[in-house]
Amino acid sequence: MSGDALGHASPVPVAETPAPFTGRRWFFPSALLHDLDPDAARAGRRPRRTVRDWVVDFSCFLLAVLVGATAMEALADNPHVPNGLAVVDQVIGALACAAVWLRRRWPLGLAVALTPLSFLSDTSGGAGLIALFTLAVHRPFRYVAWVGGINVALVPLYYWVRPDADVPYLVSVPFAVVLTVAIVGWGMFVRAKRQLMVSLRDRARRAETEARLRAEQAQRLAREAIAREMHDVLAHRLTLLSVHAGALEFRPDAPPAQTARAAGVIRESAHEALQDLREIIGVLRAGEPDDTGRPQPTLAALDTLVAESREAGMKVSLDHRVEDPGGVPSSVGRTAYRIVQEGLTNARKHAPGTEVRVTVTGAPGTGLTVRVHNPPPEGEVPAVPGSGQGLIGLTERATLAGGGLEHGHTPEGGFEVRAWLPWG
């Protein structure tokens, strides 16, 4: 009996997409939030500036203006620079400062454009450094290496063409090179830190997804175990019903006492089957397996199981040779009980009228051995639908318990189920 036949075993749901970043969004860069948002890339949305972005962009703009103003004063005090050239320099510097607001949208293009402008205009030097820093933050290292390398290579030429009147050439060039390398390094550090945050976020998402999948798999395995339990229990009960109903059908002239006895067994077996089915369906509706409700069968219940089968008209002999039945673990005892129950059910269906021998032996340290044997049936027995499913479930049950199960026909034509279960 599969899990779909239970009526309440739903398929394993697909893992949901992790929720986007939650928290103080205004405190984080928009580019980082864009990388952390699982829906942003699929929707194709551009990151919108947060409060932090506006503050940083405005600060960068003021810094570029401040550097440009300082350079403009130096141009005014330099007698070698004509007035017209100084005005052109200031216009270029103003445009470069205004272009700082575009640094988030086109970091590579802005850095490439400001590289020659910074070489031609003193007042655009601050904007050029800010563009280089933005490029290091938002683009891979190969772009930073090319643009930054060009800027470093132009530094000696810049101070050779336009020397500083107050600072010597051998001081200006190393200082500018170190400043450029420091700004690039700072930008790469910021980028690495953001990538680390994104990787940690992805790792947390994967861990949550794996935990959810493990929980769903555990629930699915539990429901499959419940389905096997339902098969073992109901198959035994319904086989009793079939045996007694067949007896009433083929013996219509049976004495009233025997008829009443068979009817009572049918009623009791139907009541037990309904009670077992109700409990299993209740566990499925609750969504989690538990051991509440009626006690689970153990090895001590074998005598009751054999007596019940004898009342149904079977010939059963039980050889119970276990040194300490009370010391058998509950899981091992329950598995042994289900193996005997399924063996009796199969013998009742496939070899009616034969004598079934049940042997249970074992001791702590050597394990528990269960053997159910029946001789070949007398005459032709009609095929029973669904044959073999119970033995498959028993084999899996014994394997999960740490043991093993073998079954097959004996040389004389009978059938035997033999299992070994660990008992440490």
Protein backbone atom coordinates (compact mmCIF):
# COMPACT_ATOMS: atom_id res chain seq x y z
CA MET A 1 0.00 0.00 0.00
CA SER A 2 1.61 3.21 -1.14
CA GLY A 3 1.52 6.62 0.52
CA ASP A 4 -0.82 7.97 -2.21
CA ALA A 5 -3.47 5.50 -1.19
CA LEU A 6 -3.64 6.98 2.30
CA GLY A 7 -5.54 10.01 1.11
CA HIS A 8 -3.64 12.40 3.34
CA ALA A 9 0.00 11.95 2.31
CA SER A 10 0.75 15.06 0.32
CA PRO A 11 3.75 15.29 -2.06
CA VAL A 12 6.93 16.88 -0.87
CA PRO A 13 6.60 20.64 -1.43
CA VAL A 14 9.18 22.57 -3.37
CA ALA A 15 11.49 24.68 -1.24
CA GLU A 16 10.32 28.26 -1.21
CA THR A 17 12.53 31.13 -2.30
CA PRO A 18 14.22 32.73 0.71
CA ALA A 19 12.82 36.06 1.78
CA PRO A 20 14.63 39.20 0.66
CA PHE A 21 16.84 41.21 2.96
CA THR A 22 15.00 42.53 5.99
CA GLY A 23 16.26 45.10 8.44
CA ARG A 24 17.47 48.70 8.27
CA ARG A 25 17.66 49.00 4.50
CA TRP A 26 18.53 52.69 4.66
CA PHE A 27 21.75 51.81 6.48
CA PHE A 28 23.15 49.57 3.68
CA PRO A 29 24.39 50.35 0.15
CA SER A 30 21.83 49.83 -2.59
CA ALA A 31 24.26 47.65 -4.59
CA LEU A 32 24.62 45.27 -1.65
CA LEU A 33 20.86 45.11 -1.11
CA HIS A 34 20.46 44.40 -4.82
CA ASP A 35 22.81 41.42 -4.56
CA LEU A 36 21.06 40.14 -1.44
CA ASP A 37 17.58 40.44 -2.97
CA PRO A 38 16.70 37.14 -4.74
CA ASP A 39 13.98 38.82 -6.85
CA ALA A 40 15.96 41.85 -8.04
CA ALA A 41 18.06 40.05 -10.65
CA ARG A 42 15.07 38.17 -12.07
CA ALA A 43 12.93 41.30 -12.27
CA GLY A 44 15.73 43.34 -13.90
CA ARG A 45 15.28 46.24 -11.50
CA ARG A 46 18.08 48.75 -10.99
CA PRO A 47 19.13 49.35 -7.42
CA ARG A 48 17.62 52.52 -5.96
CA ARG A 49 19.67 54.80 -3.74
CA THR A 50 19.17 54.36 -0.03
CA VAL A 51 19.60 57.10 2.57
CA ARG A 52 23.17 55.96 3.06
CA ASP A 53 23.81 56.25 -0.69
CA TRP A 54 22.53 59.81 -0.80
CA VAL A 55 24.73 60.79 2.14
CA VAL A 56 27.81 59.12 0.62
CA ASP A 57 27.19 60.55 -2.85
CA PHE A 58 26.69 64.04 -1.49
CA SER A 59 29.88 63.70 0.58
CA CYS A 60 31.81 62.54 -2.51
CA PHE A 61 30.45 65.49 -4.47
CA LEU A 62 31.51 67.94 -1.74
CA LEU A 63 34.96 66.30 -1.60
CA ALA A 64 35.39 66.64 -5.36
CA VAL A 65 34.30 70.30 -5.18
CA LEU A 66 36.69 70.93 -2.26
CA VAL A 67 39.64 69.42 -4.16
CA GLY A 68 38.66 71.38 -7.25
CA ALA A 69 38.43 74.62 -5.28
CA THR A 70 41.89 74.02 -3.83
CA ALA A 71 43.27 73.39 -7.32
CA MET A 72 41.49 76.51 -8.60
CA GLU A 73 43.24 78.68 -6.00
CA ALA A 74 46.54 77.16 -7.04
CA LEU A 75 45.78 78.02 -10.66
CA ALA A 76 44.93 81.60 -9.73
CA ASP A 77 48.27 81.98 -7.96
CA ASN A 78 50.26 80.43 -10.84
CA PRO A 79 51.53 83.20 -13.15
CA HIS A 80 52.41 80.68 -15.88
CA VAL A 81 48.76 79.69 -16.53
CA PRO A 82 46.82 82.09 -18.78
CA ASN A 83 43.44 83.33 -17.59
CA GLY A 84 41.57 81.66 -20.45
CA LEU A 85 43.19 78.31 -19.77
CA ALA A 86 42.27 78.62 -16.08
CA VAL A 87 38.61 79.28 -17.00
CA VAL A 88 38.56 76.19 -19.27
CA ASP A 89 40.14 74.19 -16.47
CA GLN A 90 37.44 75.34 -14.05
CA VAL A 91 34.63 74.51 -16.48
CA ILE A 92 36.02 71.00 -17.00
CA GLY A 93 36.39 70.60 -13.24
CA ALA A 94 32.77 71.69 -12.64
CA LEU A 95 31.50 69.18 -15.19
CA ALA A 96 33.64 66.46 -13.62
CA CYS A 97 32.26 67.25 -10.16
CA ALA A 98 28.70 67.11 -11.52
CA ALA A 99 29.46 63.75 -13.17
CA VAL A 100 30.23 62.27 -9.74
CA TRP A 101 26.47 61.76 -9.31
CA LEU A 102 26.61 59.24 -12.18
CA ARG A 103 29.30 57.10 -10.60
CA ARG A 104 26.91 54.34 -9.44
CA ARG A 105 25.24 53.89 -12.82
CA TRP A 106 28.33 53.99 -15.06
CA PRO A 107 31.41 53.38 -12.87
CA LEU A 108 33.62 52.09 -15.69
CA GLY A 109 32.60 54.71 -18.24
CA LEU A 110 32.99 57.56 -15.75
CA ALA A 111 36.45 56.36 -14.66
CA VAL A 112 37.60 56.03 -18.29
CA ALA A 113 36.23 59.48 -19.19
CA LEU A 114 37.76 61.24 -16.18
CA THR A 115 41.22 59.72 -16.70
CA PRO A 116 42.20 62.08 -19.60
CA LEU A 117 40.21 64.95 -18.07
CA SER A 118 42.17 64.66 -14.82
CA PHE A 119 45.36 64.81 -16.87
CA LEU A 120 44.23 67.99 -18.63
CA SER A 121 42.43 69.70 -15.74
CA ASP A 122 43.73 70.28 -12.23
CA THR A 123 40.26 70.97 -10.82
CA SER A 124 38.92 67.57 -11.94
CA GLY A 125 41.55 65.57 -10.01
CA GLY A 126 39.28 64.93 -7.01
CA ALA A 127 36.45 63.68 -9.23
CA GLY A 128 38.91 61.37 -11.00
CA LEU A 129 40.07 59.78 -7.74
CA ILE A 130 36.45 59.28 -6.60
CA ALA A 131 35.62 57.64 -9.96
CA LEU A 132 38.63 55.32 -9.58
CA PHE A 133 37.48 54.36 -6.06
CA THR A 134 33.95 53.67 -7.34
CA LEU A 135 35.35 51.49 -10.12
CA ALA A 136 37.29 49.41 -7.58
CA VAL A 137 34.13 48.93 -5.50
CA HIS A 138 31.68 48.00 -8.27
CA ARG A 139 33.73 46.25 -10.97
CA PRO A 140 36.12 43.24 -11.10
CA PHE A 141 39.84 43.64 -10.71
CA ARG A 142 40.67 43.41 -14.43
CA TYR A 143 38.94 46.75 -15.11
CA VAL A 144 40.53 48.35 -12.05
CA ALA A 145 43.97 47.11 -13.12
CA TRP A 146 43.71 48.70 -16.57
CA VAL A 147 42.27 52.06 -15.52
CA GLY A 148 44.34 52.29 -12.34
CA GLY A 149 47.51 51.32 -14.22
CA ILE A 150 46.90 54.08 -16.78
CA ASN A 151 46.39 56.63 -13.99
CA VAL A 152 49.62 55.57 -12.27
CA ALA A 153 51.52 55.69 -15.56
CA LEU A 154 50.28 59.23 -16.26
CA VAL A 155 51.39 60.59 -12.87
CA PRO A 156 55.10 61.15 -13.79
CA LEU A 157 54.10 62.68 -17.11
CA TYR A 158 51.53 64.92 -15.44
CA TYR A 159 53.99 66.41 -12.95
CA TRP A 160 56.63 66.67 -15.68
CA VAL A 161 54.34 68.77 -17.87
CA ARG A 162 52.66 70.64 -15.01
CA PRO A 163 55.10 70.72 -12.08
CA ASP A 164 54.04 71.92 -8.66
CA ALA A 165 55.69 75.18 -7.69
CA ASP A 166 55.82 74.35 -3.95
CA VAL A 167 56.56 70.59 -3.92
CA PRO A 168 59.60 68.97 -5.62
CA TYR A 169 59.03 66.55 -8.48
CA LEU A 170 60.57 63.57 -6.61
CA VAL A 171 58.10 64.13 -3.79
CA SER A 172 54.97 64.81 -5.84
CA VAL A 173 55.23 61.70 -8.01
CA PRO A 174 55.63 59.10 -5.20
CA PHE A 175 52.94 60.83 -3.15
CA ALA A 176 50.45 60.77 -6.06
CA VAL A 177 51.28 57.13 -6.86
CA VAL A 178 50.83 56.05 -3.24
CA LEU A 179 47.56 58.00 -3.02
CA THR A 180 46.22 56.35 -6.18
CA VAL A 181 47.22 52.84 -5.04
CA ALA A 182 45.71 53.47 -1.58
CA ILE A 183 42.40 54.59 -3.07
CA VAL A 184 42.29 51.52 -5.34
CA GLY A 185 43.15 49.24 -2.40
CA TRP A 186 40.47 50.83 -0.25
CA GLY A 187 37.88 50.29 -2.97
CA MET A 188 38.91 46.66 -3.44
CA PHE A 189 38.66 46.09 0.31
CA VAL A 190 35.11 47.46 0.33
CA ARG A 191 34.22 45.20 -2.61
CA ALA A 192 35.70 42.14 -0.89
CA LYS A 193 33.75 42.90 2.27
CA ARG A 194 30.49 43.16 0.33
CA GLN A 195 31.20 39.92 -1.52
CA LEU A 196 31.83 38.23 1.82
CA MET A 197 28.45 39.41 3.11
CA VAL A 198 26.74 38.11 -0.03
CA SER A 199 28.50 34.74 0.24
CA LEU A 200 27.52 34.41 3.91
CA ARG A 201 23.94 35.27 3.00
CA ASP A 202 23.94 32.64 0.25
CA ARG A 203 25.42 30.09 2.61
CA ALA A 204 22.70 30.81 5.17
CA ARG A 205 20.05 30.43 2.47
CA ARG A 206 21.50 27.11 1.38
CA ALA A 207 21.61 25.93 4.98
CA GLU A 208 17.96 26.89 5.50
CA THR A 209 16.96 25.16 2.27
CA GLU A 210 18.89 22.01 3.17
CA ALA A 211 17.34 21.97 6.65
CA ARG A 212 13.87 22.37 5.13
CA LEU A 213 14.53 19.56 2.64
CA ARG A 214 15.84 17.30 5.40
CA ALA A 215 12.71 17.95 7.46
CA GLU A 216 10.50 17.23 4.46
CA GLN A 217 12.43 14.04 3.71
CA ALA A 218 12.10 12.92 7.33
CA GLN A 219 8.37 13.56 7.17
CA ARG A 220 8.09 11.63 3.90
CA LEU A 221 10.04 8.68 5.34
CA ALA A 222 7.84 8.74 8.44
CA ARG A 223 4.71 8.62 6.30
CA GLU A 224 6.14 5.75 4.29
CA ALA A 225 6.78 3.92 7.56
CA ILE A 226 3.18 4.55 8.55
CA ALA A 227 2.05 3.17 5.19
CA ARG A 228 4.06 -0.02 5.79
CA GLU A 229 2.59 -0.26 9.27
CA MET A 230 -0.90 0.10 7.82
CA HIS A 231 -0.18 -2.68 5.30
CA ASP A 232 1.05 -5.08 7.98
CA VAL A 233 -1.84 -4.44 10.34
CA LEU A 234 -4.71 -4.28 7.88
CA ALA A 235 -3.49 -7.22 5.82
CA HIS A 236 -3.62 -9.41 8.91
CA ARG A 237 -7.07 -8.20 9.95
CA LEU A 238 -8.59 -8.39 6.50
CA THR A 239 -7.20 -11.89 5.95
CA LEU A 240 -9.02 -13.04 9.08
CA LEU A 241 -12.18 -11.50 7.70
CA SER A 242 -11.65 -13.31 4.39
CA VAL A 243 -11.09 -16.68 6.07
CA HIS A 244 -14.21 -16.52 8.22
CA ALA A 245 -16.36 -15.06 5.47
CA GLY A 246 -15.22 -17.92 3.20
CA ALA A 247 -16.11 -20.43 5.89
CA LEU A 248 -19.62 -19.02 6.18
CA GLU A 249 -19.93 -19.04 2.40
CA PHE A 250 -18.89 -22.69 1.93
CA ARG A 251 -20.56 -24.00 5.09
CA PRO A 252 -24.09 -22.60 4.99
CA ASP A 253 -25.27 -25.63 7.00
CA ALA A 254 -22.85 -25.04 9.88
CA PRO A 255 -24.26 -25.25 13.41
CA PRO A 256 -25.61 -21.95 14.78
CA ALA A 257 -22.94 -21.83 17.46
CA GLN A 258 -20.15 -22.09 14.91
CA THR A 259 -21.83 -19.52 12.70
CA ALA A 260 -22.21 -17.14 15.63
CA ARG A 261 -18.58 -17.66 16.57
CA ALA A 262 -17.40 -16.87 13.02
CA ALA A 263 -19.61 -13.80 12.90
CA GLY A 264 -18.18 -12.63 16.19
CA VAL A 265 -14.63 -13.02 14.90
CA ILE A 266 -15.57 -11.09 11.75
CA ARG A 267 -17.10 -8.31 13.80
CA GLU A 268 -14.13 -8.12 16.16
CA SER A 269 -11.59 -8.15 13.30
CA ALA A 270 -13.49 -5.45 11.44
CA HIS A 271 -13.60 -3.34 14.61
CA GLU A 272 -9.84 -3.79 15.17
CA ALA A 273 -9.06 -2.95 11.54
CA LEU A 274 -11.21 0.17 11.71
CA GLN A 275 -9.54 1.23 14.95
CA ASP A 276 -6.04 0.75 13.48
CA LEU A 277 -6.98 2.66 10.35
CA ARG A 278 -8.45 5.52 12.41
CA GLU A 279 -5.28 5.84 14.48
CA ILE A 280 -2.99 5.83 11.44
CA ILE A 281 -5.12 8.42 9.64
CA GLY A 282 -5.03 10.54 12.79
CA VAL A 283 -1.25 10.48 12.77
CA LEU A 284 -1.20 11.47 9.10
CA ARG A 285 -3.52 14.39 9.73
CA ALA A 286 -1.35 15.56 12.59
CA GLY A 287 1.59 15.62 10.16
CA GLU A 288 3.99 13.91 12.52
CA PRO A 289 4.43 10.32 13.71
CA ASP A 290 4.29 9.53 17.39
CA ASP A 291 3.87 6.57 19.66
CA THR A 292 0.74 7.78 21.40
CA GLY A 293 -2.53 5.87 21.31
CA ARG A 294 -2.68 2.14 21.71
CA PRO A 295 0.53 0.35 22.78
CA GLN A 296 2.72 -0.93 19.96
CA PRO A 297 3.10 -4.74 19.76
CA THR A 298 6.25 -6.32 21.17
CA LEU A 299 7.74 -9.79 21.29
CA ALA A 300 5.55 -10.65 24.27
CA ALA A 301 2.45 -10.28 22.09
CA LEU A 302 3.37 -13.26 19.88
CA ASP A 303 1.32 -15.63 22.04
CA THR A 304 -1.76 -13.47 21.54
CA LEU A 305 -1.11 -13.27 17.80
CA VAL A 306 -0.79 -17.06 17.50
CA ALA A 307 -3.91 -17.61 19.62
CA GLU A 308 -5.84 -15.23 17.40
CA SER A 309 -4.73 -17.11 14.29
CA ARG A 310 -5.72 -20.42 15.87
CA GLU A 311 -9.16 -19.04 16.59
CA ALA A 312 -9.42 -18.23 12.90
CA GLY A 313 -8.89 -21.92 12.11
CA MET A 314 -5.17 -21.96 11.36
CA LYS A 315 -2.78 -24.62 12.55
CA VAL A 316 0.09 -22.78 14.19
CA SER A 317 2.89 -24.08 16.39
CA LEU A 318 5.05 -21.57 18.27
CA ASP A 319 8.56 -22.40 19.46
CA HIS A 320 9.54 -19.44 21.64
CA ARG A 321 13.12 -19.85 22.89
CA VAL A 322 14.31 -16.43 23.95
CA GLU A 323 16.37 -16.22 27.13
CA ASP A 324 15.20 -12.79 28.26
CA PRO A 325 12.06 -11.67 26.37
CA GLY A 326 11.73 -8.58 28.56
CA GLY A 327 15.23 -7.42 27.59
CA VAL A 328 14.52 -7.34 23.87
CA PRO A 329 14.52 -3.71 22.64
CA SER A 330 11.08 -2.45 21.77
CA SER A 331 12.00 -1.68 18.15
CA VAL A 332 13.46 -5.17 17.63
CA GLY A 333 10.49 -6.82 19.30
CA ARG A 334 8.04 -4.82 17.23
CA THR A 335 9.88 -5.74 14.02
CA ALA A 336 9.88 -9.45 14.99
CA TYR A 337 6.17 -9.26 15.73
CA ARG A 338 5.44 -7.72 12.30
CA ILE A 339 7.53 -10.40 10.57
CA VAL A 340 5.58 -13.20 12.25
CA GLN A 341 2.31 -11.40 11.56
CA GLU A 342 3.08 -11.03 7.86
CA GLY A 343 4.30 -14.64 7.67
CA LEU A 344 1.04 -15.92 9.14
CA THR A 345 -0.93 -13.70 6.79
CA ASN A 346 0.93 -15.03 3.75
CA ALA A 347 0.52 -18.63 4.89
CA ARG A 348 -3.21 -18.09 5.41
CA LYS A 349 -3.55 -16.68 1.88
CA HIS A 350 -1.21 -18.94 -0.10
CA ALA A 351 -1.23 -22.20 1.88
CA PRO A 352 -4.60 -22.51 3.64
CA GLY A 353 -5.06 -25.56 5.81
CA THR A 354 -1.35 -26.23 6.35
CA GLU A 355 0.43 -26.16 9.69
CA VAL A 356 2.63 -23.12 10.14
CA ARG A 357 5.69 -23.38 12.36
CA VAL A 358 6.94 -20.20 14.04
CA THR A 359 10.35 -20.30 15.71
CA VAL A 360 11.86 -17.41 17.65
CA THR A 361 15.30 -17.82 19.21
CA GLY A 362 18.00 -15.50 20.42
CA ALA A 363 19.98 -14.00 23.25
CA PRO A 364 21.74 -10.72 23.98
CA GLY A 365 24.88 -10.40 21.89
CA THR A 366 23.89 -13.06 19.34
CA GLY A 367 20.77 -11.41 17.96
CA LEU A 368 17.19 -12.50 17.45
CA THR A 369 16.26 -15.07 14.78
CA VAL A 370 12.69 -15.34 13.52
CA ARG A 371 11.56 -18.19 11.26
CA VAL A 372 8.09 -18.75 9.79
CA HIS A 373 7.70 -21.94 7.73
CA ASN A 374 4.74 -23.58 6.06
CA PRO A 375 4.61 -26.73 3.91
CA PRO A 376 3.21 -26.71 0.38
CA PRO A 377 -0.58 -26.35 0.15
CA GLU A 378 -2.81 -29.28 -0.71
CA GLY A 379 -4.45 -28.72 -4.08
CA GLU A 380 -4.58 -25.63 -6.26
CA VAL A 381 -4.70 -22.24 -4.53
CA PRO A 382 -6.04 -19.26 -6.52
CA ALA A 383 -3.66 -16.36 -7.02
CA VAL A 384 -3.99 -13.51 -4.57
CA PRO A 385 -3.65 -9.94 -5.94
CA GLY A 386 -0.88 -7.78 -4.55
CA SER A 387 1.34 -10.71 -3.59
CA GLY A 388 4.91 -9.87 -2.65
CA GLN A 389 4.36 -6.32 -1.43
CA GLY A 390 4.35 -7.34 2.22
CA LEU A 391 7.64 -9.22 1.90
CA ILE A 392 9.24 -6.18 0.29
CA GLY A 393 8.11 -4.06 3.23
CA LEU A 394 9.39 -6.66 5.71
CA THR A 395 12.80 -6.74 4.05
CA GLU A 396 13.07 -2.97 4.26
CA ARG A 397 11.87 -2.99 7.87
CA ALA A 398 14.46 -5.57 8.87
CA THR A 399 17.21 -3.65 7.04
CA LEU A 400 16.29 -0.41 8.81
CA ALA A 401 16.46 -2.27 12.12
CA GLY A 402 20.06 -3.27 11.31
CA GLY A 403 19.34 -6.89 10.40
CA GLY A 404 18.30 -8.82 7.33
CA LEU A 405 15.50 -10.96 5.96
CA GLU A 406 15.42 -13.83 3.48
CA HIS A 407 12.41 -15.59 2.01
CA GLY A 408 11.76 -18.19 -0.61
CA HIS A 409 10.53 -21.70 -1.37
CA THR A 410 11.98 -24.68 0.44
CA PRO A 411 13.18 -27.84 -1.37
CA GLU A 412 9.97 -29.70 -0.46
CA GLY A 413 7.83 -26.97 -2.01
CA GLY A 414 6.91 -24.98 1.07
CA PHE A 415 7.75 -21.40 1.90
CA GLU A 416 9.95 -19.92 4.58
CA VAL A 417 10.62 -16.46 5.92
CA ARG A 418 13.80 -16.16 7.97
CA ALA A 419 15.05 -12.95 9.59
CA TRP A 420 17.87 -11.94 11.87
CA LEU A 421 17.66 -8.81 14.03
CA PRO A 422 20.47 -7.31 16.16
CA TRP A 423 20.17 -7.57 19.93
CA GLY A 424 23.14 -5.91 21.56
